[in-house]
Amino acid sequence: MKNKVMTLFAAVALLILSVPVSAHHGSAAFDSGKQVVMKGTVTRWFWANPHCFLSYDVKDERANITHWVAETSNPPDMINRGWSKQMFNPGDEVTVTVEPVKNGKPAGRLLQVVLPNGKTLSNRSPFTGPGN
């Protein structure tokens, strides 16, 4: 009887904990399938768990500045993809491709960056192929 109670408790705990984890890693906020490419100036590269963030400013044709923030994966994943903590400096001119958020705010999931030296870095896992 004690084993059945413990098993039931463990199953319920697993279900309760799995819902927030699933929600955290969901893609519902992003307009999947849509990509926006823009040139911008890096303002900050935030390297931390659980996600890294690239902040950059984009000027429109009237010289109005929009402050963008793009989310990436965690540092260990990014290292496996060829990224580093020191790769961006404020003032770097970059070309960024993002999957924007659905609500129209200047934020999104970072898909690719072209660095000032022309090197292209992808935020897609080298282990799973396209689409991830």
Protein backbone atom coordinates (compact mmCIF):
# COMPACT_ATOMS: atom_id res chain seq x y z
CA MET A 1 0.00 0.00 0.00
CA LYS A 2 2.84 2.38 0.86
CA ASN A 3 4.41 1.81 -2.59
CA LYS A 4 1.12 2.62 -4.34
CA VAL A 5 0.76 5.88 -2.39
CA MET A 6 4.36 6.87 -3.18
CA THR A 7 3.88 6.03 -6.86
CA LEU A 8 0.67 8.06 -7.00
CA PHE A 9 2.37 10.98 -5.23
CA ALA A 10 5.30 10.87 -7.66
CA ALA A 11 2.97 10.77 -10.69
CA VAL A 12 0.95 13.75 -9.46
CA ALA A 13 4.12 15.71 -8.66
CA LEU A 14 5.49 14.99 -12.13
CA LEU A 15 2.30 16.22 -13.79
CA ILE A 16 2.21 19.38 -11.70
CA LEU A 17 5.83 20.20 -12.44
CA SER A 18 5.71 19.37 -16.15
CA VAL A 19 3.03 21.96 -17.00
CA PRO A 20 5.17 25.04 -16.13
CA VAL A 21 8.23 23.55 -17.84
CA SER A 22 6.25 22.96 -21.01
CA ALA A 23 4.83 26.47 -20.91
CA HIS A 24 8.26 28.00 -20.37
CA HIS A 25 9.72 26.29 -23.42
CA GLY A 26 6.71 26.83 -25.65
CA SER A 27 6.74 28.83 -28.86
CA ALA A 28 3.26 30.33 -28.63
CA ALA A 29 4.54 33.90 -28.30
CA PHE A 30 6.54 33.75 -31.52
CA ASP A 31 5.17 34.14 -35.03
CA SER A 32 6.70 30.89 -36.25
CA GLY A 33 7.34 30.85 -39.95
CA LYS A 34 7.83 34.63 -40.12
CA GLN A 35 11.34 36.00 -40.27
CA VAL A 36 12.45 39.61 -40.01
CA VAL A 37 15.93 40.62 -41.18
CA MET A 38 17.32 43.94 -40.01
CA LYS A 39 20.58 45.82 -39.61
CA GLY A 40 21.28 47.13 -36.17
CA THR A 41 23.81 48.33 -33.63
CA VAL A 42 24.50 46.11 -30.62
CA THR A 43 23.71 47.73 -27.29
CA ARG A 44 24.11 44.68 -25.03
CA TRP A 45 24.90 40.97 -25.16
CA PHE A 46 23.47 39.32 -22.05
CA TRP A 47 25.09 35.89 -21.51
CA ALA A 48 23.27 34.01 -18.73
CA ASN A 49 21.01 31.10 -17.91
CA PRO A 50 18.32 30.24 -18.76
CA HIS A 51 18.61 32.30 -21.99
CA CYS A 52 21.04 34.73 -23.60
CA PHE A 53 19.70 37.99 -25.07
CA LEU A 54 21.00 40.30 -27.78
CA SER A 55 19.82 43.91 -27.50
CA TYR A 56 20.31 46.14 -30.51
CA ASP A 57 19.03 49.38 -32.02
CA VAL A 58 17.52 49.56 -35.49
CA LYS A 59 17.13 52.86 -37.40
CA ASP A 60 14.29 53.27 -39.86
CA GLU A 61 14.39 55.40 -43.03
CA ARG A 62 13.55 58.52 -40.95
CA ALA A 63 16.38 57.81 -38.45
CA ASN A 64 13.91 56.80 -35.73
CA ILE A 65 15.47 54.20 -33.43
CA THR A 66 13.69 51.07 -32.26
CA HIS A 67 15.25 49.09 -29.42
CA TRP A 68 15.04 45.33 -30.16
CA VAL A 69 15.68 42.35 -27.88
CA ALA A 70 16.24 38.86 -29.29
CA GLU A 71 16.29 35.69 -27.19
CA THR A 72 18.62 32.77 -27.77
CA SER A 73 19.17 29.50 -25.98
CA ASN A 74 21.31 28.95 -22.86
CA PRO A 75 25.11 29.46 -22.80
CA PRO A 76 26.07 25.74 -23.14
CA ASP A 77 23.84 25.38 -26.21
CA MET A 78 25.22 28.59 -27.67
CA ILE A 79 28.83 27.44 -27.17
CA ASN A 80 27.98 24.26 -29.10
CA ARG A 81 26.69 26.49 -31.91
CA GLY A 82 29.93 28.51 -32.06
CA TRP A 83 28.88 31.52 -29.99
CA SER A 84 30.78 33.04 -27.07
CA LYS A 85 30.34 35.47 -24.19
CA GLN A 86 32.76 37.94 -25.79
CA MET A 87 31.46 37.85 -29.36
CA PHE A 88 29.48 41.12 -29.30
CA ASN A 89 30.46 44.57 -28.15
CA PRO A 90 28.28 47.67 -27.86
CA GLY A 91 28.50 49.55 -31.16
CA ASP A 92 28.99 46.44 -33.34
CA GLU A 93 27.02 46.69 -36.58
CA VAL A 94 25.20 43.41 -37.18
CA THR A 95 22.51 41.97 -39.43
CA VAL A 96 20.00 40.06 -37.33
CA THR A 97 17.31 37.59 -38.38
CA VAL A 98 14.57 37.01 -35.82
CA GLU A 99 11.30 35.19 -35.53
CA PRO A 100 9.24 38.08 -34.09
CA VAL A 101 6.74 37.90 -31.27
CA LYS A 102 3.08 37.91 -32.32
CA ASN A 103 2.11 41.01 -30.35
CA GLY A 104 4.16 43.33 -32.59
CA LYS A 105 6.64 44.43 -29.93
CA PRO A 106 10.31 44.72 -31.00
CA ALA A 107 11.32 41.33 -29.65
CA GLY A 108 11.80 37.85 -30.98
CA ARG A 109 13.73 34.62 -31.10
CA LEU A 110 17.16 35.14 -32.64
CA LEU A 111 17.69 32.87 -35.63
CA GLN A 112 20.89 34.21 -37.19
CA VAL A 113 23.44 37.03 -36.90
CA VAL A 114 25.91 38.29 -39.47
CA LEU A 115 28.88 39.79 -37.63
CA PRO A 116 30.81 42.90 -38.73
CA ASN A 117 33.52 40.65 -40.23
CA GLY A 118 30.91 38.88 -42.41
CA LYS A 119 30.81 35.66 -40.38
CA THR A 120 27.33 34.18 -40.06
CA LEU A 121 26.23 32.50 -36.84
CA SER A 122 23.07 30.47 -36.52
CA ASN A 123 21.00 29.86 -33.41
CA ARG A 124 19.90 26.49 -34.77
CA SER A 125 21.25 23.36 -33.14
CA PRO A 126 23.96 21.64 -35.18
CA PHE A 127 22.70 18.32 -33.82
CA THR A 128 19.07 18.42 -34.92
CA GLY A 129 19.18 19.99 -38.36
CA PRO A 130 16.93 22.73 -39.80
CA GLY A 131 13.93 23.90 -37.87
CA ASN A 132 15.46 23.65 -34.43
